[in-house]
């Protein structure tokens, strides 16, 4: 890209203004006039201004509105992701609660059986 810039610059600047840096190796080396530096400086300045001009075209209110719009999109996306995570967590909690309830019911049945067995041992109905 810098080669194309030099070629463009070389074609748009008169031959008498071109510096030895812009000439090919077989061209004669005349003294470098001051306007060459001005052309280069103006070219660099306009290309830099062109890039920053896009940022400056929007006024502050438009930028704030764009930022708020982007923020709302980001919040909607995060909300959807959070909802998915919450649904996964809710499903996990429901499964764990069902497993715990079944485990507790099983343990309560075992406790009742063991209490009856202990009562029968105490009364002497069952011997070891």
Foldseek 3Di string as FASTA:
>chain_A
DVVVVLVVLVVVDDPVQDAPVSDDPPDDHDHHDPVNVVSVVVVVVVVVCVVCVVVVVDDPVVVVVVVVVVVVVVVVVVVVVVVVVVVVVVVVVVVVVVVVVVVVVVVVVVVVVVVVVVVCVVVPVDDD
